[in-house]
Amino acid sequence: MEITAHARQWGAEYGPPAHEMEARHAWRQAHPAEAAAADRRQAPRLAEIRRKAEAQARQRAATAQRSRSVAAYRARLAALN
C-alpha cells in the first residue's frame, strides 16, 4: 500500500471526518492571515515533537548499531573457539 493511500485510510479510520477536514481547508483558504498566525502558534509544539522523534530515531539507530557490533563480536569469538 502506498503511503498516501495508507495515510488516507488511517485518516478515514482514526482522523476527523472528511467534511471536517474539507471545512478546515476551506477556512484556511478563506482566512490566510489567521491560518498563518495559527501555524506560528503551533510551530514551537511541532518543533518539539519533531526534535523528540529525531532523538528517538537516533537512539534506535544507535541501539541497532550496538546490536550489530555485539553480534559481530560474538561471531568472531565463536570462530576462535
C-alpha atoms as a PDB file:
ATOM      1  CA  MET A   1       0.000   0.000   0.000  1.00  0.00           C
ATOM      2  CA  GLU A   2       1.479   3.344  -0.937  1.00  0.00           C
ATOM      3  CA  ILE A   3       1.977   5.964   1.732  1.00  0.00           C
ATOM      4  CA  THR A   4      -0.759   8.314   0.570  1.00  0.00           C
ATOM      5  CA  ALA A   5      -3.319   5.526   0.444  1.00  0.00           C
ATOM      6  CA  HIS A   6      -2.216   4.405   3.899  1.00  0.00           C
ATOM      7  CA  ALA A   7      -2.493   7.938   5.248  1.00  0.00           C
ATOM      8  CA  ARG A   8      -5.919   8.318   3.671  1.00  0.00           C
ATOM      9  CA  GLN A   9      -7.057   5.022   5.205  1.00  0.00           C
ATOM     10  CA  TRP A  10      -5.647   5.959   8.614  1.00  0.00           C
ATOM     11  CA  GLY A  11      -7.358   9.341   8.415  1.00  0.00           C
ATOM     12  CA  ALA A  12     -10.649   7.718   7.481  1.00  0.00           C
ATOM     13  CA  GLU A  13     -10.410   5.317  10.422  1.00  0.00           C
ATOM     14  CA  TYR A  14      -8.895   7.490  13.154  1.00  0.00           C
ATOM     15  CA  GLY A  15      -8.853  11.087  11.976  1.00  0.00           C
ATOM     16  CA  PRO A  16     -11.565  13.697  11.839  1.00  0.00           C
ATOM     17  CA  PRO A  17     -14.407  13.148   9.371  1.00  0.00           C
ATOM     18  CA  ALA A  18     -13.745  14.170   5.769  1.00  0.00           C
ATOM     19  CA  HIS A  19     -16.275  17.015   5.884  1.00  0.00           C
ATOM     20  CA  GLU A  20     -14.396  18.494   8.868  1.00  0.00           C
ATOM     21  CA  MET A  21     -11.115  18.321   7.008  1.00  0.00           C
ATOM     22  CA  GLU A  22     -12.705  19.956   3.967  1.00  0.00           C
ATOM     23  CA  ALA A  23     -14.166  22.681   6.192  1.00  0.00           C
ATOM     24  CA  ARG A  24     -10.740  23.306   7.778  1.00  0.00           C
ATOM     25  CA  HIS A  25      -9.134  23.515   4.353  1.00  0.00           C
ATOM     26  CA  ALA A  26     -11.808  25.931   3.124  1.00  0.00           C
ATOM     27  CA  TRP A  27     -11.377  28.088   6.240  1.00  0.00           C
ATOM     28  CA  ARG A  28      -7.588  28.169   5.770  1.00  0.00           C
ATOM     29  CA  GLN A  29      -8.069  29.212   2.143  1.00  0.00           C
ATOM     30  CA  ALA A  30     -10.560  31.936   3.115  1.00  0.00           C
ATOM     31  CA  HIS A  31      -8.542  33.245   6.093  1.00  0.00           C
ATOM     32  CA  PRO A  32      -4.833  33.061   5.177  1.00  0.00           C
ATOM     33  CA  ALA A  33      -3.683  35.561   7.827  1.00  0.00           C
ATOM     34  CA  GLU A  34      -5.439  33.735  10.670  1.00  0.00           C
ATOM     35  CA  ALA A  35      -4.188  30.388   9.339  1.00  0.00           C
ATOM     36  CA  ALA A  36      -0.611  31.703   9.248  1.00  0.00           C
ATOM     37  CA  ALA A  37      -0.973  33.006  12.812  1.00  0.00           C
ATOM     38  CA  ALA A  38      -2.277  29.609  13.937  1.00  0.00           C
ATOM     39  CA  ASP A  39       0.673  27.934  12.211  1.00  0.00           C
ATOM     40  CA  ARG A  40       3.092  30.258  14.025  1.00  0.00           C
ATOM     41  CA  ARG A  41       1.453  29.458  17.367  1.00  0.00           C
ATOM     42  CA  GLN A  42       1.760  25.726  16.692  1.00  0.00           C
ATOM     43  CA  ALA A  43       5.357  25.910  15.415  1.00  0.00           C
ATOM     44  CA  PRO A  44       7.108  25.507  18.812  1.00  0.00           C
ATOM     45  CA  ARG A  45       4.995  22.478  19.719  1.00  0.00           C
ATOM     46  CA  LEU A  46       5.529  20.892  16.316  1.00  0.00           C
ATOM     47  CA  ALA A  47       9.274  21.591  16.515  1.00  0.00           C
ATOM     48  CA  GLU A  48       9.415  19.872  19.914  1.00  0.00           C
ATOM     49  CA  ILE A  49       7.559  16.841  18.534  1.00  0.00           C
ATOM     50  CA  ARG A  50       9.981  16.750  15.587  1.00  0.00           C
ATOM     51  CA  ARG A  51      13.023  17.006  17.907  1.00  0.00           C
ATOM     52  CA  LYS A  52      11.745  14.170  20.078  1.00  0.00           C
ATOM     53  CA  ALA A  53      11.072  11.990  17.032  1.00  0.00           C
ATOM     54  CA  GLU A  54      14.559  12.671  15.650  1.00  0.00           C
ATOM     55  CA  ALA A  55      16.166  11.880  19.022  1.00  0.00           C
ATOM     56  CA  GLN A  56      14.178   8.659  19.211  1.00  0.00           C
ATOM     57  CA  ALA A  57      15.290   7.719  15.683  1.00  0.00           C
ATOM     58  CA  ARG A  58      18.943   8.397  16.603  1.00  0.00           C
ATOM     59  CA  GLN A  59      18.561   6.275  19.726  1.00  0.00           C
ATOM     60  CA  ARG A  60      17.028   3.404  17.720  1.00  0.00           C
ATOM     61  CA  ALA A  61      19.863   3.637  15.176  1.00  0.00           C
ATOM     62  CA  ALA A  62      22.482   3.561  17.944  1.00  0.00           C
ATOM     63  CA  THR A  63      20.810   0.557  19.559  1.00  0.00           C
ATOM     64  CA  ALA A  64      20.724  -1.264  16.224  1.00  0.00           C
ATOM     65  CA  GLN A  65      24.413  -0.474  15.661  1.00  0.00           C
ATOM     66  CA  ARG A  66      25.310  -1.822  19.108  1.00  0.00           C
ATOM     67  CA  SER A  67      23.319  -4.980  18.388  1.00  0.00           C
ATOM     68  CA  ARG A  68      25.202  -5.454  15.115  1.00  0.00           C
ATOM     69  CA  SER A  69      28.537  -4.853  16.861  1.00  0.00           C
ATOM     70  CA  VAL A  70      27.731  -7.382  19.589  1.00  0.00           C
ATOM     71  CA  ALA A  71      26.617  -9.942  17.004  1.00  0.00           C
ATOM     72  CA  ALA A  72      29.843  -9.448  15.021  1.00  0.00           C
ATOM     73  CA  TYR A  73      31.924  -9.767  18.206  1.00  0.00           C
ATOM     74  CA  ARG A  74      30.137 -12.977  19.172  1.00  0.00           C
ATOM     75  CA  ALA A  75      30.623 -14.365  15.661  1.00  0.00           C
ATOM     76  CA  ARG A  76      34.374 -13.641  15.811  1.00  0.00           C
ATOM     77  CA  LEU A  77      34.552 -15.155  19.284  1.00  0.00           C
ATOM     78  CA  ALA A  78      32.716 -18.280  18.128  1.00  0.00           C
ATOM     79  CA  ALA A  79      35.083 -18.579  15.154  1.00  0.00           C
ATOM     80  CA  LEU A  80      38.071 -18.606  17.519  1.00  0.00           C
ATOM     81  CA  ASN A  81      36.692 -21.476  19.612  1.00  0.00           C
END
